[in-house]
Amino acid sequence: MVAEGSPILDFYPTTFDIDMNGKKMAWQGVALLPFIDERRLLEAMVPRYPQLKEEEVRRNKWGSNALFVGHEHGLHAFLSRLYMKRKSNDVSDPPG
């Protein structure tokens, strides 16, 4: 990506401006980075795909989402009623 001669080297500038628009601290500013041309990025990756490890290939695929909420969190009861298995189809039934 950042090697000399990389076709997408311009996507990774070594210096860039920070938009401070009303901010006082640098970390509050917005980094002004170039837009990435998706087509160019994907084309540059084609020769690299065969070199990816199995775990990296798996990470690049669509998968299921997971949301973890502890029992003490205010949303736990609500989410449990929505997503946990119920004894009936009645949404008002608490999870069993």
PDB file of N, CA and C in Angstrom:
ATOM      1  N   MET A   1       0.817  -1.194   0.000  1.00  0.00           N
ATOM      2  CA  MET A   1       0.000   0.000   0.000  1.00  0.00           C
ATOM      3  C   MET A   1       0.859   1.255   0.000  1.00  0.00           C
ATOM      4  N   VAL A   2       1.881   1.272   0.851  1.00  0.00           N
ATOM      5  CA  VAL A   2       2.692   2.476   0.950  1.00  0.00           C
ATOM      6  C   VAL A   2       4.096   2.268   0.380  1.00  0.00           C
ATOM      7  N   ALA A   3       4.310   1.151  -0.291  1.00  0.00           N
ATOM      8  CA  ALA A   3       5.617   0.891  -0.891  1.00  0.00           C
ATOM      9  C   ALA A   3       5.823   1.812  -2.094  1.00  0.00           C
ATOM     10  N   GLU A   4       7.073   2.132  -2.335  1.00  0.00           N
ATOM     11  CA  GLU A   4       7.417   2.950  -3.506  1.00  0.00           C
ATOM     12  C   GLU A   4       6.878   2.264  -4.761  1.00  0.00           C
ATOM     13  N   GLY A   5       6.174   2.997  -5.591  1.00  0.00           N
ATOM     14  CA  GLY A   5       5.621   2.435  -6.821  1.00  0.00           C
ATOM     15  C   GLY A   5       4.240   1.812  -6.647  1.00  0.00           C
ATOM     16  N   SER A   6       3.683   1.868  -5.455  1.00  0.00           N
ATOM     17  CA  SER A   6       2.342   1.323  -5.232  1.00  0.00           C
ATOM     18  C   SER A   6       1.329   2.124  -6.056  1.00  0.00           C
ATOM     19  N   PRO A   7       0.387   1.441  -6.723  1.00  0.00           N
ATOM     20  CA  PRO A   7      -0.608   2.158  -7.524  1.00  0.00           C
ATOM     21  C   PRO A   7      -1.603   2.960  -6.677  1.00  0.00           C
ATOM     22  N   ILE A   8      -1.583   2.748  -5.369  1.00  0.00           N
ATOM     23  CA  ILE A   8      -2.517   3.476  -4.491  1.00  0.00           C
ATOM     24  C   ILE A   8      -1.776   4.273  -3.421  1.00  0.00           C
ATOM     25  N   LEU A   9      -0.514   4.583  -3.669  1.00  0.00           N
ATOM     26  CA  LEU A   9       0.292   5.327  -2.711  1.00  0.00           C
ATOM     27  C   LEU A   9      -0.339   6.676  -2.373  1.00  0.00           C
ATOM     28  N   ASP A  10      -1.002   7.302  -3.335  1.00  0.00           N
ATOM     29  CA  ASP A  10      -1.607   8.620  -3.095  1.00  0.00           C
ATOM     30  C   ASP A  10      -2.781   8.562  -2.116  1.00  0.00           C
ATOM     31  N   PHE A  11      -3.294   7.356  -1.797  1.00  0.00           N
ATOM     32  CA  PHE A  11      -4.366   7.212  -0.808  1.00  0.00           C
ATOM     33  C   PHE A  11      -3.833   7.359   0.618  1.00  0.00           C
ATOM     34  N   TYR A  12      -2.512   7.302   0.790  1.00  0.00           N
ATOM     35  CA  TYR A  12      -1.887   7.299   2.110  1.00  0.00           C
ATOM     36  C   TYR A  12      -0.884   8.445   2.229  1.00  0.00           C
ATOM     37  N   PRO A  13      -1.362   9.681   2.318  1.00  0.00           N
ATOM     38  CA  PRO A  13      -0.437  10.817   2.396  1.00  0.00           C
ATOM     39  C   PRO A  13       0.330  10.811   3.718  1.00  0.00           C
ATOM     40  N   THR A  14       1.563  11.278   3.662  1.00  0.00           N
ATOM     41  CA  THR A  14       2.369  11.352   4.887  1.00  0.00           C
ATOM     42  C   THR A  14       2.073  12.632   5.664  1.00  0.00           C
ATOM     43  N   THR A  15       1.541  13.630   4.984  1.00  0.00           N
ATOM     44  CA  THR A  15       1.109  14.854   5.648  1.00  0.00           C
ATOM     45  C   THR A  15      -0.276  15.225   5.133  1.00  0.00           C
ATOM     46  N   PHE A  16      -1.052  15.869   5.980  1.00  0.00           N
ATOM     47  CA  PHE A  16      -2.397  16.292   5.596  1.00  0.00           C
ATOM     48  C   PHE A  16      -2.839  17.408   6.527  1.00  0.00           C
ATOM     49  N   ASP A  17      -3.810  18.177   6.080  1.00  0.00           N
ATOM     50  CA  ASP A  17      -4.341  19.282   6.875  1.00  0.00           C
ATOM     51  C   ASP A  17      -5.386  18.777   7.865  1.00  0.00           C
ATOM     52  N   ILE A  18      -5.559  19.531   8.940  1.00  0.00           N
ATOM     53  CA  ILE A  18      -6.597  19.257   9.929  1.00  0.00           C
ATOM     54  C   ILE A  18      -7.557  20.445   9.916  1.00  0.00           C
ATOM     55  N   ASP A  19      -8.836  20.169   9.713  1.00  0.00           N
ATOM     56  CA  ASP A  19      -9.854  21.223   9.747  1.00  0.00           C
ATOM     57  C   ASP A  19     -10.232  21.459  11.202  1.00  0.00           C
ATOM     58  N   MET A  20      -9.880  22.630  11.716  1.00  0.00           N
ATOM     59  CA  MET A  20     -10.116  22.947  13.117  1.00  0.00           C
ATOM     60  C   MET A  20     -11.433  23.683  13.338  1.00  0.00           C
ATOM     61  N   ASN A  21     -12.167  23.991  12.310  1.00  0.00           N
ATOM     62  CA  ASN A  21     -13.459  24.669  12.329  1.00  0.00           C
ATOM     63  C   ASN A  21     -14.090  24.795  13.728  1.00  0.00           C
ATOM     64  N   GLY A  22     -13.645  25.784  14.504  1.00  0.00           N
ATOM     65  CA  GLY A  22     -14.215  26.048  15.821  1.00  0.00           C
ATOM     66  C   GLY A  22     -13.683  25.168  16.931  1.00  0.00           C
ATOM     67  N   LYS A  23     -12.727  24.316  16.651  1.00  0.00           N
ATOM     68  CA  LYS A  23     -12.170  23.421  17.675  1.00  0.00           C
ATOM     69  C   LYS A  23     -10.927  24.053  18.281  1.00  0.00           C
ATOM     70  N   LYS A  24     -10.607  23.671  19.512  1.00  0.00           N
ATOM     71  CA  LYS A  24      -9.441  24.229  20.192  1.00  0.00           C
ATOM     72  C   LYS A  24      -8.278  23.249  20.238  1.00  0.00           C
ATOM     73  N   MET A  25      -8.556  21.970  20.283  1.00  0.00           N
ATOM     74  CA  MET A  25      -7.512  20.949  20.395  1.00  0.00           C
ATOM     75  C   MET A  25      -7.383  20.206  19.062  1.00  0.00           C
ATOM     76  N   ALA A  26      -6.155  19.867  18.680  1.00  0.00           N
ATOM     77  CA  ALA A  26      -5.911  19.201  17.393  1.00  0.00           C
ATOM     78  C   ALA A  26      -6.688  17.891  17.273  1.00  0.00           C
ATOM     79  N   TRP A  27      -6.837  17.156  18.375  1.00  0.00           N
ATOM     80  CA  TRP A  27      -7.521  15.871  18.306  1.00  0.00           C
ATOM     81  C   TRP A  27      -9.016  16.032  18.033  1.00  0.00           C
ATOM     82  N   GLN A  28      -9.542  17.236  18.181  1.00  0.00           N
ATOM     83  CA  GLN A  28     -10.950  17.483  17.893  1.00  0.00           C
ATOM     84  C   GLN A  28     -11.183  17.791  16.407  1.00  0.00           C
ATOM     85  N   GLY A  29     -10.120  18.133  15.701  1.00  0.00           N
ATOM     86  CA  GLY A  29     -10.235  18.491  14.288  1.00  0.00           C
ATOM     87  C   GLY A  29     -10.536  17.298  13.411  1.00  0.00           C
ATOM     88  N   VAL A  30     -10.861  17.597  12.165  1.00  0.00           N
ATOM     89  CA  VAL A  30     -11.169  16.562  11.180  1.00  0.00           C
ATOM     90  C   VAL A  30      -9.999  16.462  10.208  1.00  0.00           C
ATOM     91  N   ALA A  31      -9.443  15.258  10.083  1.00  0.00           N
ATOM     92  CA  ALA A  31      -8.340  15.046   9.147  1.00  0.00           C
ATOM     93  C   ALA A  31      -8.872  15.164   7.721  1.00  0.00           C
ATOM     94  N   LEU A  32      -8.232  15.990   6.928  1.00  0.00           N
ATOM     95  CA  LEU A  32      -8.642  16.181   5.534  1.00  0.00           C
ATOM     96  C   LEU A  32      -7.807  15.247   4.653  1.00  0.00           C
ATOM     97  N   LEU A  33      -8.361  14.076   4.412  1.00  0.00           N
ATOM     98  CA  LEU A  33      -7.685  13.030   3.634  1.00  0.00           C
ATOM     99  C   LEU A  33      -8.296  12.930   2.244  1.00  0.00           C
ATOM    100  N   PRO A  34      -7.527  12.434   1.280  1.00  0.00           N
ATOM    101  CA  PRO A  34      -8.075  12.302  -0.072  1.00  0.00           C
ATOM    102  C   PRO A  34      -9.144  11.213  -0.115  1.00  0.00           C
ATOM    103  N   PHE A  35     -10.092  11.391  -1.032  1.00  0.00           N
ATOM    104  CA  PHE A  35     -11.087  10.350  -1.227  1.00  0.00           C
ATOM    105  C   PHE A  35     -10.416   9.148  -1.879  1.00  0.00           C
ATOM    106  N   ILE A  36     -10.872   7.964  -1.542  1.00  0.00           N
ATOM    107  CA  ILE A  36     -10.305   6.738  -2.094  1.00  0.00           C
ATOM    108  C   ILE A  36     -11.202   6.257  -3.231  1.00  0.00           C
ATOM    109  N   ASP A  37     -10.590   6.039  -4.374  1.00  0.00           N
ATOM    110  CA  ASP A  37     -11.293   5.503  -5.534  1.00  0.00           C
ATOM    111  C   ASP A  37     -11.427   3.994  -5.333  1.00  0.00           C
ATOM    112  N   GLU A  38     -12.636   3.547  -5.054  1.00  0.00           N
ATOM    113  CA  GLU A  38     -12.868   2.135  -4.728  1.00  0.00           C
ATOM    114  C   GLU A  38     -12.382   1.209  -5.836  1.00  0.00           C
ATOM    115  N   ARG A  39     -12.643   1.567  -7.079  1.00  0.00           N
ATOM    116  CA  ARG A  39     -12.241   0.723  -8.209  1.00  0.00           C
ATOM    117  C   ARG A  39     -10.728   0.542  -8.227  1.00  0.00           C
ATOM    118  N   ARG A  40      -9.999   1.649  -8.049  1.00  0.00           N
ATOM    119  CA  ARG A  40      -8.527   1.576  -8.030  1.00  0.00           C
ATOM    120  C   ARG A  40      -8.025   0.734  -6.859  1.00  0.00           C
ATOM    121  N   LEU A  41      -8.650   0.889  -5.706  1.00  0.00           N
ATOM    122  CA  LEU A  41      -8.241   0.125  -4.527  1.00  0.00           C
ATOM    123  C   LEU A  41      -8.443  -1.373  -4.759  1.00  0.00           C
ATOM    124  N   LEU A  42      -9.607  -1.744  -5.266  1.00  0.00           N
ATOM    125  CA  LEU A  42      -9.892  -3.163  -5.506  1.00  0.00           C
ATOM    126  C   LEU A  42      -8.985  -3.751  -6.576  1.00  0.00           C
ATOM    127  N   GLU A  43      -8.710  -2.979  -7.625  1.00  0.00           N
ATOM    128  CA  GLU A  43      -7.796  -3.449  -8.675  1.00  0.00           C
ATOM    129  C   GLU A  43      -6.387  -3.657  -8.123  1.00  0.00           C
ATOM    130  N   ALA A  44      -5.949  -2.777  -7.238  1.00  0.00           N
ATOM    131  CA  ALA A  44      -4.615  -2.896  -6.647  1.00  0.00           C
ATOM    132  C   ALA A  44      -4.516  -4.110  -5.727  1.00  0.00           C
ATOM    133  N   MET A  45      -5.640  -4.546  -5.180  1.00  0.00           N
ATOM    134  CA  MET A  45      -5.642  -5.692  -4.258  1.00  0.00           C
ATOM    135  C   MET A  45      -5.672  -7.038  -4.960  1.00  0.00           C
ATOM    136  N   VAL A  46      -6.096  -7.076  -6.217  1.00  0.00           N
ATOM    137  CA  VAL A  46      -6.240  -8.353  -6.944  1.00  0.00           C
ATOM    138  C   VAL A  46      -5.000  -9.231  -6.843  1.00  0.00           C
ATOM    139  N   PRO A  47      -3.790  -8.716  -7.090  1.00  0.00           N
ATOM    140  CA  PRO A  47      -2.618  -9.595  -6.994  1.00  0.00           C
ATOM    141  C   PRO A  47      -2.310 -10.050  -5.572  1.00  0.00           C
ATOM    142  N   ARG A  48      -2.866  -9.368  -4.582  1.00  0.00           N
ATOM    143  CA  ARG A  48      -2.582  -9.694  -3.182  1.00  0.00           C
ATOM    144  C   ARG A  48      -3.530 -10.747  -2.606  1.00  0.00           C
ATOM    145  N   TYR A  49      -4.710 -10.898  -3.178  1.00  0.00           N
ATOM    146  CA  TYR A  49      -5.698 -11.832  -2.618  1.00  0.00           C
ATOM    147  C   TYR A  49      -5.155 -13.254  -2.440  1.00  0.00           C
ATOM    148  N   PRO A  50      -4.412 -13.805  -3.400  1.00  0.00           N
ATOM    149  CA  PRO A  50      -3.896 -15.169  -3.187  1.00  0.00           C
ATOM    150  C   PRO A  50      -2.928 -15.278  -2.011  1.00  0.00           C
ATOM    151  N   GLN A  51      -2.378 -14.174  -1.559  1.00  0.00           N
ATOM    152  CA  GLN A  51      -1.409 -14.186  -0.459  1.00  0.00           C
ATOM    153  C   GLN A  51      -2.080 -14.077   0.909  1.00  0.00           C
ATOM    154  N   LEU A  52      -3.386 -13.849   0.945  1.00  0.00           N
ATOM    155  CA  LEU A  52      -4.083 -13.682   2.215  1.00  0.00           C
ATOM    156  C   LEU A  52      -4.163 -15.003   2.971  1.00  0.00           C
ATOM    157  N   LYS A  53      -4.052 -14.928   4.283  1.00  0.00           N
ATOM    158  CA  LYS A  53      -4.219 -16.098   5.146  1.00  0.00           C
ATOM    159  C   LYS A  53      -5.707 -16.422   5.231  1.00  0.00           C
ATOM    160  N   GLU A  54      -6.011 -17.647   5.643  1.00  0.00           N
ATOM    161  CA  GLU A  54      -7.405 -18.091   5.731  1.00  0.00           C
ATOM    162  C   GLU A  54      -8.233 -17.166   6.635  1.00  0.00           C
ATOM    163  N   GLU A  55      -7.648 -16.740   7.748  1.00  0.00           N
ATOM    164  CA  GLU A  55      -8.351 -15.848   8.674  1.00  0.00           C
ATOM    165  C   GLU A  55      -8.658 -14.499   8.012  1.00  0.00           C
ATOM    166  N   GLU A  56      -7.733 -13.995   7.214  1.00  0.00           N
ATOM    167  CA  GLU A  56      -7.937 -12.723   6.526  1.00  0.00           C
ATOM    168  C   GLU A  56      -9.039 -12.831   5.471  1.00  0.00           C
ATOM    169  N   VAL A  57      -9.081 -13.950   4.777  1.00  0.00           N
ATOM    170  CA  VAL A  57     -10.138 -14.189   3.785  1.00  0.00           C
ATOM    171  C   VAL A  57     -11.495 -14.223   4.487  1.00  0.00           C
ATOM    172  N   ARG A  58     -11.562 -14.901   5.639  1.00  0.00           N
ATOM    173  CA  ARG A  58     -12.808 -14.991   6.410  1.00  0.00           C
ATOM    174  C   ARG A  58     -13.263 -13.609   6.874  1.00  0.00           C
ATOM    175  N   ARG A  59     -12.323 -12.775   7.325  1.00  0.00           N
ATOM    176  CA  ARG A  59     -12.664 -11.425   7.776  1.00  0.00           C
ATOM    177  C   ARG A  59     -13.220 -10.566   6.651  1.00  0.00           C
ATOM    178  N   ASN A  60     -12.870 -10.852   5.408  1.00  0.00           N
ATOM    179  CA  ASN A  60     -13.322 -10.053   4.269  1.00  0.00           C
ATOM    180  C   ASN A  60     -14.705 -10.471   3.768  1.00  0.00           C
ATOM    181  N   LYS A  61     -15.306 -11.471   4.375  1.00  0.00           N
ATOM    182  CA  LYS A  61     -16.626 -11.942   3.948  1.00  0.00           C
ATOM    183  C   LYS A  61     -17.710 -11.382   4.866  1.00  0.00           C
ATOM    184  N   TRP A  62     -18.917 -11.290   4.310  1.00  0.00           N
ATOM    185  CA  TRP A  62     -20.061 -10.882   5.119  1.00  0.00           C
ATOM    186  C   TRP A  62     -20.347 -11.974   6.141  1.00  0.00           C
ATOM    187  N   GLY A  63     -20.750 -11.585   7.322  1.00  0.00           N
ATOM    188  CA  GLY A  63     -21.061 -12.547   8.369  1.00  0.00           C
ATOM    189  C   GLY A  63     -22.221 -12.064   9.203  1.00  0.00           C
ATOM    190  N   SER A  64     -22.419 -12.709  10.320  1.00  0.00           N
ATOM    191  CA  SER A  64     -23.495 -12.334  11.235  1.00  0.00           C
ATOM    192  C   SER A  64     -23.000 -11.272  12.207  1.00  0.00           C
ATOM    193  N   ASN A  65     -23.909 -10.441  12.643  1.00  0.00           N
ATOM    194  CA  ASN A  65     -23.590  -9.431  13.644  1.00  0.00           C
ATOM    195  C   ASN A  65     -23.870  -9.993  15.032  1.00  0.00           C
ATOM    196  N   ALA A  66     -23.147  -9.504  16.013  1.00  0.00           N
ATOM    197  CA  ALA A  66     -23.378  -9.903  17.402  1.00  0.00           C
ATOM    198  C   ALA A  66     -23.416  -8.643  18.262  1.00  0.00           C
ATOM    199  N   LEU A  67     -24.366  -8.596  19.175  1.00  0.00           N
ATOM    200  CA  LEU A  67     -24.482  -7.473  20.102  1.00  0.00           C
ATOM    201  C   LEU A  67     -24.444  -8.053  21.506  1.00  0.00           C
ATOM    202  N   PHE A  68     -23.488  -7.614  22.308  1.00  0.00           N
ATOM    203  CA  PHE A  68     -23.337  -8.108  23.666  1.00  0.00           C
ATOM    204  C   PHE A  68     -23.786  -7.022  24.634  1.00  0.00           C
ATOM    205  N   VAL A  69     -24.761  -7.359  25.475  1.00  0.00           N
ATOM    206  CA  VAL A  69     -25.280  -6.422  26.474  1.00  0.00           C
ATOM    207  C   VAL A  69     -25.359  -7.171  27.796  1.00  0.00           C
ATOM    208  N   GLY A  70     -24.727  -6.617  28.825  1.00  0.00           N
ATOM    209  CA  GLY A  70     -24.730  -7.251  30.143  1.00  0.00           C
ATOM    210  C   GLY A  70     -26.094  -7.177  30.813  1.00  0.00           C
ATOM    211  N   HIS A  71     -26.346  -8.052  31.765  1.00  0.00           N
ATOM    212  CA  HIS A  71     -27.625  -8.102  32.492  1.00  0.00           C
ATOM    213  C   HIS A  71     -27.953  -6.773  33.172  1.00  0.00           C
ATOM    214  N   GLU A  72     -26.914  -6.058  33.618  1.00  0.00           N
ATOM    215  CA  GLU A  72     -27.140  -4.819  34.344  1.00  0.00           C
ATOM    216  C   GLU A  72     -27.431  -3.621  33.435  1.00  0.00           C
ATOM    217  N   HIS A  73     -27.229  -3.773  32.144  1.00  0.00           N
ATOM    218  CA  HIS A  73     -27.456  -2.659  31.210  1.00  0.00           C
ATOM    219  C   HIS A  73     -28.951  -2.408  31.041  1.00  0.00           C
ATOM    220  N   GLY A  74     -29.321  -1.142  30.900  1.00  0.00           N
ATOM    221  CA  GLY A  74     -30.726  -0.763  30.782  1.00  0.00           C
ATOM    222  C   GLY A  74     -31.444  -1.366  29.586  1.00  0.00           C
ATOM    223  N   LEU A  75     -30.735  -1.701  28.523  1.00  0.00           N
ATOM    224  CA  LEU A  75     -31.372  -2.281  27.333  1.00  0.00           C
ATOM    225  C   LEU A  75     -31.504  -3.800  27.392  1.00  0.00           C
ATOM    226  N   HIS A  76     -30.903  -4.441  28.395  1.00  0.00           N
ATOM    227  CA  HIS A  76     -30.883  -5.909  28.433  1.00  0.00           C
ATOM    228  C   HIS A  76     -32.281  -6.525  28.393  1.00  0.00           C
ATOM    229  N   ALA A  77     -33.174  -6.063  29.229  1.00  0.00           N
ATOM    230  CA  ALA A  77     -34.525  -6.649  29.283  1.00  0.00           C
ATOM    231  C   ALA A  77     -35.247  -6.465  27.949  1.00  0.00           C
ATOM    232  N   PHE A  78     -35.154  -5.286  27.374  1.00  0.00           N
ATOM    233  CA  PHE A  78     -35.817  -5.007  26.095  1.00  0.00           C
ATOM    234  C   PHE A  78     -35.258  -5.898  24.981  1.00  0.00           C
ATOM    235  N   LEU A  79     -33.930  -5.966  24.882  1.00  0.00           N
ATOM    236  CA  LEU A  79     -33.323  -6.781  23.829  1.00  0.00           C
ATOM    237  C   LEU A  79     -33.584  -8.261  24.039  1.00  0.00           C
ATOM    238  N   SER A  80     -33.620  -8.688  25.278  1.00  0.00           N
ATOM    239  CA  SER A  80     -33.911 -10.095  25.568  1.00  0.00           C
ATOM    240  C   SER A  80     -35.294 -10.466  25.080  1.00  0.00           C
ATOM    241  N   ARG A  81     -36.253  -9.569  25.325  1.00  0.00           N
ATOM    242  CA  ARG A  81     -37.616  -9.855  24.859  1.00  0.00           C
ATOM    243  C   ARG A  81     -37.682  -9.917  23.337  1.00  0.00           C
ATOM    244  N   LEU A  82     -36.869  -9.109  22.672  1.00  0.00           N
ATOM    245  CA  LEU A  82     -36.894  -9.099  21.206  1.00  0.00           C
ATOM    246  C   LEU A  82     -36.225 -10.309  20.581  1.00  0.00           C
ATOM    247  N   TYR A  83     -35.082 -10.725  21.143  1.00  0.00           N
ATOM    248  CA  TYR A  83     -34.241 -11.692  20.444  1.00  0.00           C
ATOM    249  C   TYR A  83     -34.097 -13.062  21.091  1.00  0.00           C
ATOM    250  N   MET A  84     -34.447 -13.204  22.339  1.00  0.00           N
ATOM    251  CA  MET A  84     -34.296 -14.512  22.984  1.00  0.00           C
ATOM    252  C   MET A  84     -35.457 -15.413  22.579  1.00  0.00           C
ATOM    253  N   LYS A  85     -35.245 -16.727  22.675  1.00  0.00           N
ATOM    254  CA  LYS A  85     -36.304 -17.682  22.338  1.00  0.00           C
ATOM    255  C   LYS A  85     -37.441 -17.545  23.338  1.00  0.00           C
ATOM    256  N   ARG A  86     -38.668 -17.590  22.815  1.00  0.00           N
ATOM    257  CA  ARG A  86     -39.860 -17.466  23.655  1.00  0.00           C
ATOM    258  C   ARG A  86     -40.659 -18.771  23.612  1.00  0.00           C
ATOM    259  N   LYS A  87     -41.450 -18.981  24.677  1.00  0.00           N
ATOM    260  CA  LYS A  87     -42.305 -20.154  24.713  1.00  0.00           C
ATOM    261  C   LYS A  87     -43.482 -20.008  23.778  1.00  0.00           C
ATOM    262  N   SER A  88     -43.866 -18.767  23.480  1.00  0.00           N
ATOM    263  CA  SER A  88     -44.968 -18.520  22.557  1.00  0.00           C
ATOM    264  C   SER A  88     -44.543 -17.423  21.582  1.00  0.00           C
ATOM    265  N   ASN A  89     -45.429 -17.083  20.682  1.00  0.00           N
ATOM    266  CA  ASN A  89     -45.138 -16.016  19.741  1.00  0.00           C
ATOM    267  C   ASN A  89     -45.496 -14.644  20.270  1.00  0.00           C
ATOM    268  N   ASP A  90     -45.970 -14.570  21.500  1.00  0.00           N
ATOM    269  CA  ASP A  90     -46.358 -13.304  22.101  1.00  0.00           C
ATOM    270  C   ASP A  90     -45.098 -12.524  22.524  1.00  0.00           C
ATOM    271  N   VAL A  91     -44.889 -11.361  21.950  1.00  0.00           N
ATOM    272  CA  VAL A  91     -43.704 -10.555  22.231  1.00  0.00           C
ATOM    273  C   VAL A  91     -43.663 -10.114  23.686  1.00  0.00           C
ATOM    274  N   SER A  92     -44.816 -10.018  24.328  1.00  0.00           N
ATOM    275  CA  SER A  92     -44.856  -9.555  25.716  1.00  0.00           C
ATOM    276  C   SER A  92     -44.388 -10.628  26.691  1.00  0.00           C
ATOM    277  N   ASP A  93     -44.260 -11.891  26.234  1.00  0.00           N
ATOM    278  CA  ASP A  93     -43.766 -12.949  27.120  1.00  0.00           C
ATOM    279  C   ASP A  93     -42.310 -12.703  27.455  1.00  0.00           C
ATOM    280  N   PRO A  94     -41.935 -12.769  28.741  1.00  0.00           N
ATOM    281  CA  PRO A  94     -40.521 -12.644  29.076  1.00  0.00           C
ATOM    282  C   PRO A  94     -39.759 -13.859  28.559  1.00  0.00           C
ATOM    283  N   PRO A  95     -38.452 -13.728  28.302  1.00  0.00           N
ATOM    284  CA  PRO A  95     -37.680 -14.865  27.800  1.00  0.00           C
ATOM    285  C   PRO A  95     -37.703 -16.001  28.797  1.00  0.00           C
ATOM    286  N   GLY A  96     -37.732 -17.223  28.277  1.00  0.00           N
ATOM    287  CA  GLY A  96     -37.822 -18.403  29.121  1.00  0.00           C
ATOM    288  C   GLY A  96     -36.547 -19.030  29.272  1.00  0.00           C
TER     289      GLY A  96
END
